[in-house]
Amino acid sequence: MTDINLKGGKLSIEQLNTIFETIPVEFDFIDENDIIRWSSANRHRLFKRTDADLGKHVLEVHPGHSQNHVKQVLHDMHSGDRDSISIMIKHHGQPVNIAFYALRDDQNKYLGCVEVTQDVSKQQTKGSFWRNIMQVLHKK
């Protein structure tokens, strides 16, 4: 079994895949050109991804009503105006948190971002509307 050296330790590919298959959170890696390069494959996904989605521009897998928001988030990530944003949406009547995290190297070069999606129906959502407004207004 080949180990992958990571900051903080080593994991095998099997262990790493099992982590992403098990935890009830979706991860999508979007490269510096806004192309989807990797998605976690687990049974908990709310927004399904297939192998056919890999290599597509991220806007191709987001619904039309959200594309302007995604464009703005990506613009802010590329420019350095924002390193992360976390928003709450309703999906089939349930609250869902979607967060984007900019990935930068040691020289602060933008490498892409990770989109993290999680069903938060079992977590407190009171005040989410105003928290979302404040997230959009305060970029850092």
Protein backbone atom coordinates (compact mmCIF):
# COMPACT_ATOMS: atom_id res chain seq x y z
CA MET A 1 0.00 0.00 0.00
CA THR A 2 1.52 3.30 -1.09
CA ASP A 3 1.34 6.16 1.39
CA ILE A 4 0.75 9.76 0.42
CA ASN A 5 2.92 12.15 2.41
CA LEU A 6 0.78 15.03 3.69
CA LYS A 7 1.42 17.82 6.13
CA GLY A 8 0.50 16.16 9.40
CA GLY A 9 1.18 12.57 8.41
CA LYS A 10 0.68 9.87 5.84
CA LEU A 11 -2.43 8.19 4.44
CA SER A 12 -2.92 5.45 1.91
CA ILE A 13 -5.11 6.13 -1.11
CA GLU A 14 -7.63 3.66 0.33
CA GLN A 15 -7.72 5.54 3.64
CA LEU A 16 -8.04 8.90 1.92
CA ASN A 17 -10.86 7.67 -0.34
CA THR A 18 -12.63 6.12 2.64
CA ILE A 19 -12.48 9.41 4.55
CA PHE A 20 -14.17 11.26 1.69
CA GLU A 21 -16.70 8.46 1.13
CA THR A 22 -17.67 8.39 4.79
CA ILE A 23 -18.02 11.93 6.08
CA PRO A 24 -21.38 13.51 5.16
CA VAL A 25 -19.82 16.53 3.46
CA GLU A 26 -19.28 17.17 -0.26
CA PHE A 27 -15.93 18.43 -1.49
CA ASP A 28 -15.24 19.71 -5.00
CA PHE A 29 -11.81 20.94 -6.08
CA ILE A 30 -11.94 23.67 -8.72
CA ASP A 31 -8.57 24.55 -10.26
CA GLU A 32 -7.10 27.99 -11.03
CA ASN A 33 -8.96 27.98 -14.39
CA ASP A 34 -12.30 27.20 -12.70
CA ILE A 35 -12.32 23.62 -13.97
CA ILE A 36 -13.63 20.82 -11.75
CA ARG A 37 -10.72 18.46 -11.17
CA TRP A 38 -12.00 16.32 -8.28
CA SER A 39 -15.20 15.65 -6.36
CA SER A 40 -15.69 13.53 -3.29
CA ALA A 41 -17.75 10.47 -4.09
CA ASN A 42 -20.01 9.55 -1.24
CA ARG A 43 -23.58 8.47 -0.66
CA HIS A 44 -24.34 11.69 1.24
CA ARG A 45 -24.01 14.03 -1.76
CA LEU A 46 -26.88 16.47 -2.20
CA PHE A 47 -25.59 17.69 -5.55
CA LYS A 48 -24.50 14.67 -7.56
CA ARG A 49 -21.25 14.73 -9.50
CA THR A 50 -20.22 12.16 -12.07
CA ASP A 51 -16.97 11.41 -13.84
CA ALA A 52 -18.48 13.30 -16.79
CA ASP A 53 -18.41 16.49 -14.66
CA LEU A 54 -14.64 16.29 -14.26
CA GLY A 55 -12.92 18.64 -16.68
CA LYS A 56 -15.97 20.88 -17.00
CA HIS A 57 -16.04 24.56 -16.11
CA VAL A 58 -17.65 24.95 -12.71
CA LEU A 59 -20.50 27.03 -14.17
CA GLU A 60 -21.54 24.04 -16.29
CA VAL A 61 -22.55 22.11 -13.16
CA HIS A 62 -24.31 24.92 -11.30
CA PRO A 63 -27.92 25.84 -12.08
CA GLY A 64 -28.56 29.05 -14.00
CA HIS A 65 -30.05 30.89 -11.01
CA SER A 66 -26.81 30.50 -9.03
CA GLN A 67 -24.28 31.23 -11.79
CA ASN A 68 -23.95 34.97 -11.14
CA HIS A 69 -23.25 34.27 -7.46
CA VAL A 70 -20.67 31.61 -8.35
CA LYS A 71 -19.02 33.99 -10.86
CA GLN A 72 -18.74 36.67 -8.17
CA VAL A 73 -17.29 34.26 -5.61
CA LEU A 74 -14.71 33.01 -8.12
CA HIS A 75 -13.82 36.56 -9.15
CA ASP A 76 -13.27 37.49 -5.50
CA MET A 77 -11.18 34.36 -4.92
CA HIS A 78 -8.98 34.96 -7.98
CA SER A 79 -8.45 38.63 -7.12
CA GLY A 80 -7.65 37.96 -3.48
CA ASP A 81 -10.57 40.08 -2.28
CA ARG A 82 -11.94 37.06 -0.49
CA ASP A 83 -10.37 33.89 0.89
CA SER A 84 -13.63 32.21 1.87
CA ILE A 85 -17.38 32.60 1.90
CA SER A 86 -20.05 30.52 3.56
CA ILE A 87 -23.69 30.80 2.51
CA MET A 88 -26.91 29.08 3.51
CA ILE A 89 -29.46 27.92 0.96
CA LYS A 90 -32.59 25.77 1.03
CA HIS A 91 -32.43 22.52 -0.92
CA HIS A 92 -35.65 20.51 -0.99
CA GLY A 93 -36.77 22.54 2.03
CA GLN A 94 -33.68 21.71 4.07
CA PRO A 95 -30.92 24.16 5.06
CA VAL A 96 -27.61 23.56 3.32
CA ASN A 97 -24.32 25.33 3.91
CA ILE A 98 -22.08 25.91 0.89
CA ALA A 99 -18.61 27.27 1.55
CA PHE A 100 -15.81 28.17 -0.85
CA TYR A 101 -12.19 28.29 0.32
CA ALA A 102 -9.43 29.80 -1.82
CA LEU A 103 -6.28 27.70 -2.06
CA ARG A 104 -3.01 29.62 -2.34
CA ASP A 105 0.62 28.52 -2.37
CA ASP A 106 3.37 29.95 -0.18
CA GLN A 107 3.79 32.89 -2.59
CA ASN A 108 0.01 33.61 -2.38
CA LYS A 109 -0.57 32.40 -5.95
CA TYR A 110 -4.15 31.26 -6.47
CA LEU A 111 -4.26 27.47 -7.05
CA GLY A 112 -8.03 27.09 -7.11
CA CYS A 113 -10.67 26.59 -4.47
CA VAL A 114 -12.56 23.92 -2.60
CA GLU A 115 -16.34 24.02 -2.54
CA VAL A 116 -17.67 22.34 0.60
CA THR A 117 -21.38 21.50 0.85
CA GLN A 118 -23.10 20.16 3.95
CA ASP A 119 -26.67 19.46 5.02
CA VAL A 120 -27.07 21.45 8.22
CA SER A 121 -30.70 20.59 8.95
CA LYS A 122 -29.67 19.23 12.32
CA GLN A 123 -27.82 22.42 13.19
CA GLN A 124 -29.26 25.72 14.34
CA THR A 125 -30.23 27.98 11.40
CA LYS A 126 -31.84 30.92 13.18
CA GLY A 127 -30.33 34.14 11.91
CA SER A 128 -28.93 32.58 8.71
CA PHE A 129 -30.46 35.24 6.47
CA TRP A 130 -28.68 38.09 8.26
CA ARG A 131 -25.46 36.09 8.59
CA ASN A 132 -25.48 35.56 4.80
CA ILE A 133 -26.00 39.29 4.22
CA MET A 134 -23.08 40.11 6.51
CA GLN A 135 -20.87 37.50 4.77
CA VAL A 136 -21.52 39.14 1.40
CA LEU A 137 -20.91 42.66 2.70
CA HIS A 138 -17.73 41.90 4.66
CA LYS A 139 -15.30 40.27 2.28
CA LYS A 140 -12.55 39.45 4.80
